Amino acid sequence: VRDLDIISQELRLKDIEFSEKALEAAEKIAKRGGQSLEVKQKKEEMA
């Protein structure tokens, strides 16, 4: 059970890192503002 916890935590921590980088990339485009389809998509992606 401890071993399961270790692997679960390491995979989740790495996924949090991946996700935070993806969020940052989407946020840069969303901050441009406007009503373009790309901006709308990135706002949905951020959520």
ModelCIF file with pLDDT and N, C-alpha, C, O atoms, coordinates in Angstrom:
data_MODEL
#
_entry.id   MODEL 
#
_entity.id                         1 
_entity.type                       polymer 
_entity.pdbx_number_of_molecules   1 
#
_entity_poly.entity_id                      1 
_entity_poly.type                           'polypeptide(L)' 
_entity_poly.nstd_linkage                   no 
_entity_poly.nstd_monomer                   no 
_entity_poly.pdbx_seq_one_letter_code       VRDLDIISQELRLKDIEFSEKALEAAEKIAKRGGQSLEVKQKKEEMA 
_entity_poly.pdbx_seq_one_letter_code_can   VRDLDIISQELRLKDIEFSEKALEAAEKIAKRGGQSLEVKQKKEEMA 
_entity_poly.pdbx_strand_id                 A 
#
loop_
_entity_poly_seq.entity_id 
_entity_poly_seq.num 
_entity_poly_seq.mon_id 
_entity_poly_seq.hetero 
1 1  VAL n 
1 2  ARG n 
1 3  ASP n 
1 4  LEU n 
1 5  ASP n 
1 6  ILE n 
1 7  ILE n 
1 8  SER n 
1 9  GLN n 
1 10 GLU n 
1 11 LEU n 
1 12 ARG n 
1 13 LEU n 
1 14 LYS n 
1 15 ASP n 
1 16 ILE n 
1 17 GLU n 
1 18 PHE n 
1 19 SER n 
1 20 GLU n 
1 21 LYS n 
1 22 ALA n 
1 23 LEU n 
1 24 GLU n 
1 25 ALA n 
1 26 ALA n 
1 27 GLU n 
1 28 LYS n 
1 29 ILE n 
1 30 ALA n 
1 31 LYS n 
1 32 ARG n 
1 33 GLY n 
1 34 GLY n 
1 35 GLN n 
1 36 SER n 
1 37 LEU n 
1 38 GLU n 
1 39 VAL n 
1 40 LYS n 
1 41 GLN n 
1 42 LYS n 
1 43 LYS n 
1 44 GLU n 
1 45 GLU n 
1 46 MET n 
1 47 ALA n 
#
_struct_asym.id          A 
_struct_asym.entity_id   1 
#
loop_
_ma_qa_metric.id 
_ma_qa_metric.mode 
_ma_qa_metric.name 
_ma_qa_metric.software_group_id 
_ma_qa_metric.type 
1 global pLDDT . pLDDT 
2 local  pLDDT . pLDDT 
#
_ma_qa_metric_global.metric_id      1 
_ma_qa_metric_global.metric_value   89.96 
_ma_qa_metric_global.model_id       1 
_ma_qa_metric_global.ordinal_id     1 
#
loop_
_ma_qa_metric_local.label_asym_id 
_ma_qa_metric_local.label_comp_id 
_ma_qa_metric_local.label_seq_id 
_ma_qa_metric_local.metric_id 
_ma_qa_metric_local.metric_value 
_ma_qa_metric_local.model_id 
_ma_qa_metric_local.ordinal_id 
A VAL 1  2 96.00 1 1  
A ARG 2  2 95.00 1 2  
A ASP 3  2 94.00 1 3  
A LEU 4  2 95.00 1 4  
A ASP 5  2 94.00 1 5  
A ILE 6  2 92.00 1 6  
A ILE 7  2 92.00 1 7  
A SER 8  2 93.00 1 8  
A GLN 9  2 92.00 1 9  
A GLU 10 2 89.00 1 10 
A LEU 11 2 91.00 1 11 
A ARG 12 2 93.00 1 12 
A LEU 13 2 91.00 1 13 
A LYS 14 2 89.00 1 14 
A ASP 15 2 93.00 1 15 
A ILE 16 2 95.00 1 16 
A GLU 17 2 91.00 1 17 
A PHE 18 2 93.00 1 18 
A SER 19 2 96.00 1 19 
A GLU 20 2 96.00 1 20 
A LYS 21 2 94.00 1 21 
A ALA 22 2 95.00 1 22 
A LEU 23 2 96.00 1 23 
A GLU 24 2 95.00 1 24 
A ALA 25 2 93.00 1 25 
A ALA 26 2 92.00 1 26 
A GLU 27 2 92.00 1 27 
A LYS 28 2 90.00 1 28 
A ILE 29 2 87.00 1 29 
A ALA 30 2 86.00 1 30 
A LYS 31 2 84.00 1 31 
A ARG 32 2 80.00 1 32 
A GLY 33 2 74.00 1 33 
A GLY 34 2 71.00 1 34 
A GLN 35 2 73.00 1 35 
A SER 36 2 81.00 1 36 
A LEU 37 2 84.00 1 37 
A GLU 38 2 82.00 1 38 
A VAL 39 2 85.00 1 39 
A LYS 40 2 87.00 1 40 
A GLN 41 2 90.00 1 41 
A LYS 42 2 90.00 1 42 
A LYS 43 2 91.00 1 43 
A GLU 44 2 92.00 1 44 
A GLU 45 2 94.00 1 45 
A MET 46 2 95.00 1 46 
A ALA 47 2 95.00 1 47 
#
loop_
_atom_site.group_PDB 
_atom_site.id 
_atom_site.type_symbol 
_atom_site.label_atom_id 
_atom_site.label_alt_id 
_atom_site.label_comp_id 
_atom_site.label_asym_id 
_atom_site.label_entity_id 
_atom_site.label_seq_id 
_atom_site.pdbx_PDB_ins_code 
_atom_site.Cartn_x 
_atom_site.Cartn_y 
_atom_site.Cartn_z 
_atom_site.occupancy 
_atom_site.B_iso_or_equiv 
_atom_site.pdbx_formal_charge 
_atom_site.auth_seq_id 
_atom_site.auth_comp_id 
_atom_site.auth_asym_id 
_atom_site.auth_atom_id 
_atom_site.pdbx_PDB_model_num 
ATOM 1   N N  . VAL A 1 1  ? 0.838   -1.199 0.000   1.00 96.00 ? 1  VAL A N  1 
ATOM 2   C CA . VAL A 1 1  ? 0.000   0.000  0.000   1.00 96.00 ? 1  VAL A CA 1 
ATOM 3   C C  . VAL A 1 1  ? 0.873   1.249  0.000   1.00 96.00 ? 1  VAL A C  1 
ATOM 4   O O  . VAL A 1 1  ? 0.582   2.214  -0.707  1.00 96.00 ? 1  VAL A O  1 
ATOM 5   N N  . ARG A 1 2  ? 1.934   1.231  0.786   1.00 95.00 ? 2  ARG A N  1 
ATOM 6   C CA . ARG A 1 2  ? 2.884   2.364  0.753   1.00 95.00 ? 2  ARG A CA 1 
ATOM 7   C C  . ARG A 1 2  ? 3.487   2.511  -0.635  1.00 95.00 ? 2  ARG A C  1 
ATOM 8   O O  . ARG A 1 2  ? 3.624   3.628  -1.134  1.00 95.00 ? 2  ARG A O  1 
ATOM 9   N N  . ASP A 1 3  ? 3.853   1.392  -1.270  1.00 94.00 ? 3  ASP A N  1 
ATOM 10  C CA . ASP A 1 3  ? 4.434   1.437  -2.613  1.00 94.00 ? 3  ASP A CA 1 
ATOM 11  C C  . ASP A 1 3  ? 3.442   2.019  -3.620  1.00 94.00 ? 3  ASP A C  1 
ATOM 12  O O  . ASP A 1 3  ? 3.817   2.815  -4.481  1.00 94.00 ? 3  ASP A O  1 
ATOM 13  N N  . LEU A 1 4  ? 2.181   1.620  -3.508  1.00 95.00 ? 4  LEU A N  1 
ATOM 14  C CA . LEU A 1 4  ? 1.136   2.168  -4.379  1.00 95.00 ? 4  LEU A CA 1 
ATOM 15  C C  . LEU A 1 4  ? 1.011   3.674  -4.183  1.00 95.00 ? 4  LEU A C  1 
ATOM 16  O O  . LEU A 1 4  ? 0.865   4.423  -5.150  1.00 95.00 ? 4  LEU A O  1 
ATOM 17  N N  . ASP A 1 5  ? 1.068   4.114  -2.927  1.00 94.00 ? 5  ASP A N  1 
ATOM 18  C CA . ASP A 1 5  ? 0.998   5.548  -2.632  1.00 94.00 ? 5  ASP A CA 1 
ATOM 19  C C  . ASP A 1 5  ? 2.168   6.304  -3.267  1.00 94.00 ? 5  ASP A C  1 
ATOM 20  O O  . ASP A 1 5  ? 1.991   7.395  -3.810  1.00 94.00 ? 5  ASP A O  1 
ATOM 21  N N  . ILE A 1 6  ? 3.363   5.715  -3.194  1.00 92.00 ? 6  ILE A N  1 
ATOM 22  C CA . ILE A 1 6  ? 4.552   6.378  -3.739  1.00 92.00 ? 6  ILE A CA 1 
ATOM 23  C C  . ILE A 1 6  ? 4.408   6.584  -5.246  1.00 92.00 ? 6  ILE A C  1 
ATOM 24  O O  . ILE A 1 6  ? 4.609   7.689  -5.750  1.00 92.00 ? 6  ILE A O  1 
ATOM 25  N N  . ILE A 1 7  ? 4.063   5.528  -5.951  1.00 92.00 ? 7  ILE A N  1 
ATOM 26  C CA . ILE A 1 7  ? 3.960   5.639  -7.407  1.00 92.00 ? 7  ILE A CA 1 
ATOM 27  C C  . ILE A 1 7  ? 2.818   6.566  -7.795  1.00 92.00 ? 7  ILE A C  1 
ATOM 28  O O  . ILE A 1 7  ? 2.968   7.391  -8.695  1.00 92.00 ? 7  ILE A O  1 
ATOM 29  N N  . SER A 1 8  ? 1.681   6.438  -7.126  1.00 93.00 ? 8  SER A N  1 
ATOM 30  C CA . SER A 1 8  ? 0.545   7.310  -7.410  1.00 93.00 ? 8  SER A CA 1 
ATOM 31  C C  . SER A 1 8  ? 0.932   8.779  -7.226  1.00 93.00 ? 8  SER A C  1 
ATOM 32  O O  . SER A 1 8  ? 0.605   9.627  -8.057  1.00 93.00 ? 8  SER A O  1 
ATOM 33  N N  . GLN A 1 9  ? 1.630   9.067  -6.126  1.00 92.00 ? 9  GLN A N  1 
ATOM 34  C CA . GLN A 1 9  ? 2.008   10.451 -5.850  1.00 92.00 ? 9  GLN A CA 1 
ATOM 35  C C  . GLN A 1 9  ? 3.004   10.978 -6.878  1.00 92.00 ? 9  GLN A C  1 
ATOM 36  O O  . GLN A 1 9  ? 2.886   12.119 -7.325  1.00 92.00 ? 9  GLN A O  1 
ATOM 37  N N  . GLU A 1 10 ? 3.979   10.164 -7.254  1.00 89.00 ? 10 GLU A N  1 
ATOM 38  C CA . GLU A 1 10 ? 4.989   10.638 -8.211  1.00 89.00 ? 10 GLU A CA 1 
ATOM 39  C C  . GLU A 1 10 ? 4.367   10.916 -9.575  1.00 89.00 ? 10 GLU A C  1 
ATOM 40  O O  . GLU A 1 10 ? 4.714   11.905 -10.221 1.00 89.00 ? 10 GLU A O  1 
ATOM 41  N N  . LEU A 1 11 ? 3.457   10.060 -10.019 1.00 91.00 ? 11 LEU A N  1 
ATOM 42  C CA . LEU A 1 11 ? 2.810   10.277 -11.309 1.00 91.00 ? 11 LEU A CA 1 
ATOM 43  C C  . LEU A 1 11 ? 1.906   11.504 -11.264 1.00 91.00 ? 11 LEU A C  1 
ATOM 44  O O  . LEU A 1 11 ? 1.856   12.284 -12.215 1.00 91.00 ? 11 LEU A O  1 
ATOM 45  N N  . ARG A 1 12 ? 1.195   11.668 -10.154 1.00 93.00 ? 12 ARG A N  1 
ATOM 46  C CA . ARG A 1 12 ? 0.321   12.834 -10.032 1.00 93.00 ? 12 ARG A CA 1 
ATOM 47  C C  . ARG A 1 12 ? 1.117   14.132 -9.962  1.00 93.00 ? 12 ARG A C  1 
ATOM 48  O O  . ARG A 1 12 ? 0.735   15.128 -10.577 1.00 93.00 ? 12 ARG A O  1 
ATOM 49  N N  . LEU A 1 13 ? 2.216   14.128 -9.219  1.00 91.00 ? 13 LEU A N  1 
ATOM 50  C CA . LEU A 1 13 ? 3.043   15.337 -9.110  1.00 91.00 ? 13 LEU A CA 1 
ATOM 51  C C  . LEU A 1 13 ? 3.589   15.752 -10.472 1.00 91.00 ? 13 LEU A C  1 
ATOM 52  O O  . LEU A 1 13 ? 3.631   16.937 -10.802 1.00 91.00 ? 13 LEU A O  1 
ATOM 53  N N  . LYS A 1 14 ? 4.005   14.769 -11.251 1.00 89.00 ? 14 LYS A N  1 
ATOM 54  C CA . LYS A 1 14 ? 4.530   15.087 -12.586 1.00 89.00 ? 14 LYS A CA 1 
ATOM 55  C C  . LYS A 1 14 ? 3.414   15.598 -13.482 1.00 89.00 ? 14 LYS A C  1 
ATOM 56  O O  . LYS A 1 14 ? 3.630   16.513 -14.276 1.00 89.00 ? 14 LYS A O  1 
ATOM 57  N N  . ASP A 1 15 ? 2.223   15.021 -13.365 1.00 93.00 ? 15 ASP A N  1 
ATOM 58  C CA . ASP A 1 15 ? 1.092   15.488 -14.162 1.00 93.00 ? 15 ASP A CA 1 
ATOM 59  C C  . ASP A 1 15 ? 0.675   16.903 -13.775 1.00 93.00 ? 15 ASP A C  1 
ATOM 60  O O  . ASP A 1 15 ? 0.270   17.695 -14.626 1.00 93.00 ? 15 ASP A O  1 
ATOM 61  N N  . ILE A 1 16 ? 0.777   17.214 -12.479 1.00 95.00 ? 16 ILE A N  1 
ATOM 62  C CA . ILE A 1 16 ? 0.492   18.590 -12.042 1.00 95.00 ? 16 ILE A CA 1 
ATOM 63  C C  . ILE A 1 16 ? 1.479   19.544 -12.703 1.00 95.00 ? 16 ILE A C  1 
ATOM 64  O O  . ILE A 1 16 ? 1.097   20.620 -13.163 1.00 95.00 ? 16 ILE A O  1 
ATOM 65  N N  . GLU A 1 17 ? 2.752   19.148 -12.748 1.00 91.00 ? 17 GLU A N  1 
ATOM 66  C CA . GLU A 1 17 ? 3.776   19.968 -13.406 1.00 91.00 ? 17 GLU A CA 1 
ATOM 67  C C  . GLU A 1 17 ? 3.457   20.156 -14.895 1.00 91.00 ? 17 GLU A C  1 
ATOM 68  O O  . GLU A 1 17 ? 3.511   21.273 -15.407 1.00 91.00 ? 17 GLU A O  1 
ATOM 69  N N  . PHE A 1 18 ? 3.125   19.056 -15.585 1.00 93.00 ? 18 PHE A N  1 
ATOM 70  C CA . PHE A 1 18 ? 2.756   19.142 -17.002 1.00 93.00 ? 18 PHE A CA 1 
ATOM 71  C C  . PHE A 1 18 ? 1.547   20.066 -17.191 1.00 93.00 ? 18 PHE A C  1 
ATOM 72  O O  . PHE A 1 18 ? 1.522   20.900 -18.096 1.00 93.00 ? 18 PHE A O  1 
ATOM 73  N N  . SER A 1 19 ? 0.545   19.896 -16.316 1.00 96.00 ? 19 SER A N  1 
ATOM 74  C CA . SER A 1 19 ? -0.703  20.651 -16.441 1.00 96.00 ? 19 SER A CA 1 
ATOM 75  C C  . SER A 1 19 ? -0.492  22.135 -16.180 1.00 96.00 ? 19 SER A C  1 
ATOM 76  O O  . SER A 1 19 ? -1.076  22.973 -16.867 1.00 96.00 ? 19 SER A O  1 
ATOM 77  N N  . GLU A 1 20 ? 0.332   22.465 -15.199 1.00 96.00 ? 20 GLU A N  1 
ATOM 78  C CA . GLU A 1 20 ? 0.600   23.872 -14.901 1.00 96.00 ? 20 GLU A CA 1 
ATOM 79  C C  . GLU A 1 20 ? 1.306   24.561 -16.058 1.00 96.00 ? 20 GLU A C  1 
ATOM 80  O O  . GLU A 1 20 ? 1.047   25.730 -16.342 1.00 96.00 ? 20 GLU A O  1 
ATOM 81  N N  . LYS A 1 21 ? 2.201   23.833 -16.730 1.00 94.00 ? 21 LYS A N  1 
ATOM 82  C CA . LYS A 1 21 ? 2.862   24.391 -17.916 1.00 94.00 ? 21 LYS A CA 1 
ATOM 83  C C  . LYS A 1 21 ? 1.862   24.588 -19.050 1.00 94.00 ? 21 LYS A C  1 
ATOM 84  O O  . LYS A 1 21 ? 1.916   25.592 -19.760 1.00 94.00 ? 21 LYS A O  1 
ATOM 85  N N  . ALA A 1 22 ? 0.953   23.638 -19.222 1.00 95.00 ? 22 ALA A N  1 
ATOM 86  C CA . ALA A 1 22 ? -0.083  23.758 -20.259 1.00 95.00 ? 22 ALA A CA 1 
ATOM 87  C C  . ALA A 1 22 ? -1.023  24.916 -19.950 1.00 95.00 ? 22 ALA A C  1 
ATOM 88  O O  . ALA A 1 22 ? -1.450  25.634 -20.854 1.00 95.00 ? 22 ALA A O  1 
ATOM 89  N N  . LEU A 1 23 ? -1.342  25.095 -18.672 1.00 96.00 ? 23 LEU A N  1 
ATOM 90  C CA . LEU A 1 23 ? -2.205  26.199 -18.253 1.00 96.00 ? 23 LEU A CA 1 
ATOM 91  C C  . LEU A 1 23 ? -1.548  27.540 -18.550 1.00 96.00 ? 23 LEU A C  1 
ATOM 92  O O  . LEU A 1 23 ? -2.197  28.471 -19.027 1.00 96.00 ? 23 LEU A O  1 
ATOM 93  N N  . GLU A 1 24 ? -0.270  27.624 -18.264 1.00 95.00 ? 24 GLU A N  1 
ATOM 94  C CA . GLU A 1 24 ? 0.485   28.855 -18.519 1.00 95.00 ? 24 GLU A CA 1 
ATOM 95  C C  . GLU A 1 24 ? 0.500   29.188 -20.014 1.00 95.00 ? 24 GLU A C  1 
ATOM 96  O O  . GLU A 1 24 ? 0.344   30.346 -20.401 1.00 95.00 ? 24 GLU A O  1 
ATOM 97  N N  . ALA A 1 25 ? 0.690   28.162 -20.849 1.00 93.00 ? 25 ALA A N  1 
ATOM 98  C CA . ALA A 1 25 ? 0.722   28.379 -22.297 1.00 93.00 ? 25 ALA A CA 1 
ATOM 99  C C  . ALA A 1 25 ? -0.640  28.831 -22.812 1.00 93.00 ? 25 ALA A C  1 
ATOM 100 O O  . ALA A 1 25 ? -0.721  29.725 -23.655 1.00 93.00 ? 25 ALA A O  1 
ATOM 101 N N  . ALA A 1 26 ? -1.716  28.212 -22.304 1.00 92.00 ? 26 ALA A N  1 
ATOM 102 C CA . ALA A 1 26 ? -3.067  28.593 -22.733 1.00 92.00 ? 26 ALA A CA 1 
ATOM 103 C C  . ALA A 1 26 ? -3.414  30.002 -22.265 1.00 92.00 ? 26 ALA A C  1 
ATOM 104 O O  . ALA A 1 26 ? -4.085  30.754 -22.972 1.00 92.00 ? 26 ALA A O  1 
ATOM 105 N N  . GLU A 1 27 ? -2.955  30.351 -21.072 1.00 92.00 ? 27 GLU A N  1 
ATOM 106 C CA . GLU A 1 27 ? -3.243  31.665 -20.496 1.00 92.00 ? 27 GLU A CA 1 
ATOM 107 C C  . GLU A 1 27 ? -2.621  32.795 -21.315 1.00 92.00 ? 27 GLU A C  1 
ATOM 108 O O  . GLU A 1 27 ? -3.210  33.867 -21.449 1.00 92.00 ? 27 GLU A O  1 
ATOM 109 N N  . LYS A 1 28 ? -1.433  32.550 -21.860 1.00 90.00 ? 28 LYS A N  1 
ATOM 110 C CA . LYS A 1 28 ? -0.762  33.577 -22.670 1.00 90.00 ? 28 LYS A CA 1 
ATOM 111 C C  . LYS A 1 28 ? -1.602  33.960 -23.878 1.00 90.00 ? 28 LYS A C  1 
ATOM 112 O O  . LYS A 1 28 ? -1.685  35.134 -24.240 1.00 90.00 ? 28 LYS A O  1 
ATOM 113 N N  . ILE A 1 29 ? -2.221  32.965 -24.496 1.00 87.00 ? 29 ILE A N  1 
ATOM 114 C CA . ILE A 1 29 ? -3.064  33.236 -25.672 1.00 87.00 ? 29 ILE A CA 1 
ATOM 115 C C  . ILE A 1 29 ? -4.389  33.861 -25.244 1.00 87.00 ? 29 ILE A C  1 
ATOM 116 O O  . ILE A 1 29 ? -4.880  34.783 -25.895 1.00 87.00 ? 29 ILE A O  1 
ATOM 117 N N  . ALA A 1 30 ? -4.971  33.362 -24.153 1.00 86.00 ? 30 ALA A N  1 
ATOM 118 C CA . ALA A 1 30 ? -6.263  33.872 -23.688 1.00 86.00 ? 30 ALA A CA 1 
ATOM 119 C C  . ALA A 1 30 ? -6.170  35.341 -23.289 1.00 86.00 ? 30 ALA A C  1 
ATOM 120 O O  . ALA A 1 30 ? -7.148  36.076 -23.426 1.00 86.00 ? 30 ALA A O  1 
ATOM 121 N N  . LYS A 1 31 ? -5.017  35.781 -22.799 1.00 84.00 ? 31 LYS A N  1 
ATOM 122 C CA . LYS A 1 31 ? -4.834  37.162 -22.340 1.00 84.00 ? 31 LYS A CA 1 
ATOM 123 C C  . LYS A 1 31 ? -4.819  38.175 -23.479 1.00 84.00 ? 31 LYS A C  1 
ATOM 124 O O  . LYS A 1 31 ? -4.912  39.380 -23.249 1.00 84.00 ? 31 LYS A O  1 
ATOM 125 N N  . ARG A 1 32 ? -4.702  37.677 -24.710 1.00 80.00 ? 32 ARG A N  1 
ATOM 126 C CA . ARG A 1 32 ? -4.729  38.600 -25.843 1.00 80.00 ? 32 ARG A CA 1 
ATOM 127 C C  . ARG A 1 32 ? -6.069  39.313 -25.944 1.00 80.00 ? 32 ARG A C  1 
ATOM 128 O O  . ARG A 1 32 ? -6.171  40.415 -26.484 1.00 80.00 ? 32 ARG A O  1 
ATOM 129 N N  . GLY A 1 33 ? -7.112  38.644 -25.402 1.00 74.00 ? 33 GLY A N  1 
ATOM 130 C CA . GLY A 1 33 ? -8.442  39.230 -25.443 1.00 74.00 ? 33 GLY A CA 1 
ATOM 131 C C  . GLY A 1 33 ? -9.072  39.100 -26.811 1.00 74.00 ? 33 GLY A C  1 
ATOM 132 O O  . GLY A 1 33 ? -8.544  38.426 -27.694 1.00 74.00 ? 33 GLY A O  1 
ATOM 133 N N  . GLY A 1 34 ? -10.213 39.757 -26.975 1.00 71.00 ? 34 GLY A N  1 
ATOM 134 C CA . GLY A 1 34 ? -10.917 39.682 -28.246 1.00 71.00 ? 34 GLY A CA 1 
ATOM 135 C C  . GLY A 1 34 ? -11.880 38.506 -28.276 1.00 71.00 ? 34 GLY A C  1 
ATOM 136 O O  . GLY A 1 34 ? -12.024 37.769 -27.301 1.00 71.00 ? 34 GLY A O  1 
ATOM 137 N N  . GLN A 1 35 ? -12.534 38.350 -29.421 1.00 73.00 ? 35 GLN A N  1 
ATOM 138 C CA . GLN A 1 35 ? -13.559 37.321 -29.573 1.00 73.00 ? 35 GLN A CA 1 
ATOM 139 C C  . GLN A 1 35 ? -13.166 36.245 -30.580 1.00 73.00 ? 35 GLN A C  1 
ATOM 140 O O  . GLN A 1 35 ? -14.029 35.555 -31.121 1.00 73.00 ? 35 GLN A O  1 
ATOM 141 N N  . SER A 1 36 ? -11.872 36.100 -30.832 1.00 81.00 ? 36 SER A N  1 
ATOM 142 C CA . SER A 1 36 ? -11.434 35.107 -31.811 1.00 81.00 ? 36 SER A CA 1 
ATOM 143 C C  . SER A 1 36 ? -11.722 33.698 -31.292 1.00 81.00 ? 36 SER A C  1 
ATOM 144 O O  . SER A 1 36 ? -11.805 33.458 -30.088 1.00 81.00 ? 36 SER A O  1 
ATOM 145 N N  . LEU A 1 37 ? -11.870 32.777 -32.245 1.00 84.00 ? 37 LEU A N  1 
ATOM 146 C CA . LEU A 1 37 ? -12.144 31.385 -31.884 1.00 84.00 ? 37 LEU A CA 1 
ATOM 147 C C  . LEU A 1 37 ? -11.013 30.814 -31.049 1.00 84.00 ? 37 LEU A C  1 
ATOM 148 O O  . LEU A 1 37 ? -11.266 30.069 -30.102 1.00 84.00 ? 37 LEU A O  1 
ATOM 149 N N  . GLU A 1 38 ? -9.768  31.147 -31.378 1.00 82.00 ? 38 GLU A N  1 
ATOM 150 C CA . GLU A 1 38 ? -8.615  30.625 -30.644 1.00 82.00 ? 38 GLU A CA 1 
ATOM 151 C C  . GLU A 1 38 ? -8.646  31.068 -29.188 1.00 82.00 ? 38 GLU A C  1 
ATOM 152 O O  . GLU A 1 38 ? -8.384  30.271 -28.288 1.00 82.00 ? 38 GLU A O  1 
ATOM 153 N N  . VAL A 1 39 ? -8.968  32.348 -28.953 1.00 85.00 ? 39 VAL A N  1 
ATOM 154 C CA . VAL A 1 39 ? -9.029  32.865 -27.580 1.00 85.00 ? 39 VAL A CA 1 
ATOM 155 C C  . VAL A 1 39 ? -10.137 32.158 -26.800 1.00 85.00 ? 39 VAL A C  1 
ATOM 156 O O  . VAL A 1 39 ? -9.950  31.780 -25.643 1.00 85.00 ? 39 VAL A O  1 
ATOM 157 N N  . LYS A 1 40 ? -11.299 31.983 -27.451 1.00 87.00 ? 40 LYS A N  1 
ATOM 158 C CA . LYS A 1 40 ? -12.409 31.295 -26.797 1.00 87.00 ? 40 LYS A CA 1 
ATOM 159 C C  . LYS A 1 40 ? -12.017 29.866 -26.431 1.00 87.00 ? 40 LYS A C  1 
ATOM 160 O O  . LYS A 1 40 ? -12.304 29.397 -25.329 1.00 87.00 ? 40 LYS A O  1 
ATOM 161 N N  . GLN A 1 41 ? -11.358 29.178 -27.367 1.00 90.00 ? 41 GLN A N  1 
ATOM 162 C CA . GLN A 1 41 ? -10.937 27.798 -27.122 1.00 90.00 ? 41 GLN A CA 1 
ATOM 163 C C  . GLN A 1 41 ? -9.950  27.714 -25.967 1.00 90.00 ? 41 GLN A C  1 
ATOM 164 O O  . GLN A 1 41 ? -10.036 26.808 -25.139 1.00 90.00 ? 41 GLN A O  1 
ATOM 165 N N  . LYS A 1 42 ? -9.008  28.660 -25.908 1.00 90.00 ? 42 LYS A N  1 
ATOM 166 C CA . LYS A 1 42 ? -7.999  28.630 -24.849 1.00 90.00 ? 42 LYS A CA 1 
ATOM 167 C C  . LYS A 1 42 ? -8.609  28.919 -23.481 1.00 90.00 ? 42 LYS A C  1 
ATOM 168 O O  . LYS A 1 42 ? -8.142  28.392 -22.471 1.00 90.00 ? 42 LYS A O  1 
ATOM 169 N N  . LYS A 1 43 ? -9.646  29.752 -23.441 1.00 91.00 ? 43 LYS A N  1 
ATOM 170 C CA . LYS A 1 43 ? -10.323 30.001 -22.166 1.00 91.00 ? 43 LYS A CA 1 
ATOM 171 C C  . LYS A 1 43 ? -11.024 28.730 -21.672 1.00 91.00 ? 43 LYS A C  1 
ATOM 172 O O  . LYS A 1 43 ? -10.997 28.417 -20.482 1.00 91.00 ? 43 LYS A O  1 
ATOM 173 N N  . GLU A 1 44 ? -11.650 28.006 -22.603 1.00 92.00 ? 44 GLU A N  1 
ATOM 174 C CA . GLU A 1 44 ? -12.286 26.732 -22.239 1.00 92.00 ? 44 GLU A CA 1 
ATOM 175 C C  . GLU A 1 44 ? -11.235 25.717 -21.795 1.00 92.00 ? 44 GLU A C  1 
ATOM 176 O O  . GLU A 1 44 ? -11.439 24.956 -20.849 1.00 92.00 ? 44 GLU A O  1 
ATOM 177 N N  . GLU A 1 45 ? -10.106 25.728 -22.502 1.00 94.00 ? 45 GLU A N  1 
ATOM 178 C CA . GLU A 1 45 ? -9.007  24.822 -22.176 1.00 94.00 ? 45 GLU A CA 1 
ATOM 179 C C  . GLU A 1 45 ? -8.467  25.108 -20.782 1.00 94.00 ? 45 GLU A C  1 
ATOM 180 O O  . GLU A 1 45 ? -8.161  24.184 -20.028 1.00 94.00 ? 45 GLU A O  1 
ATOM 181 N N  . MET A 1 46 ? -8.351  26.388 -20.442 1.00 95.00 ? 46 MET A N  1 
ATOM 182 C CA . MET A 1 46 ? -7.855  26.769 -19.116 1.00 95.00 ? 46 MET A CA 1 
ATOM 183 C C  . MET A 1 46 ? -8.750  26.221 -18.008 1.00 95.00 ? 46 MET A C  1 
ATOM 184 O O  . MET A 1 46 ? -8.265  25.730 -16.989 1.00 95.00 ? 46 MET A O  1 
ATOM 185 N N  . ALA A 1 47 ? -10.059 26.312 -18.219 1.00 95.00 ? 47 ALA A N  1 
ATOM 186 C CA . ALA A 1 47 ? -11.005 25.817 -17.211 1.00 95.00 ? 47 ALA A CA 1 
ATOM 187 C C  . ALA A 1 47 ? -10.854 24.310 -17.037 1.00 95.00 ? 47 ALA A C  1 
ATOM 188 O O  . ALA A 1 47 ? -11.564 23.708 -16.231 1.00 95.00 ? 47 ALA A O  1 
#
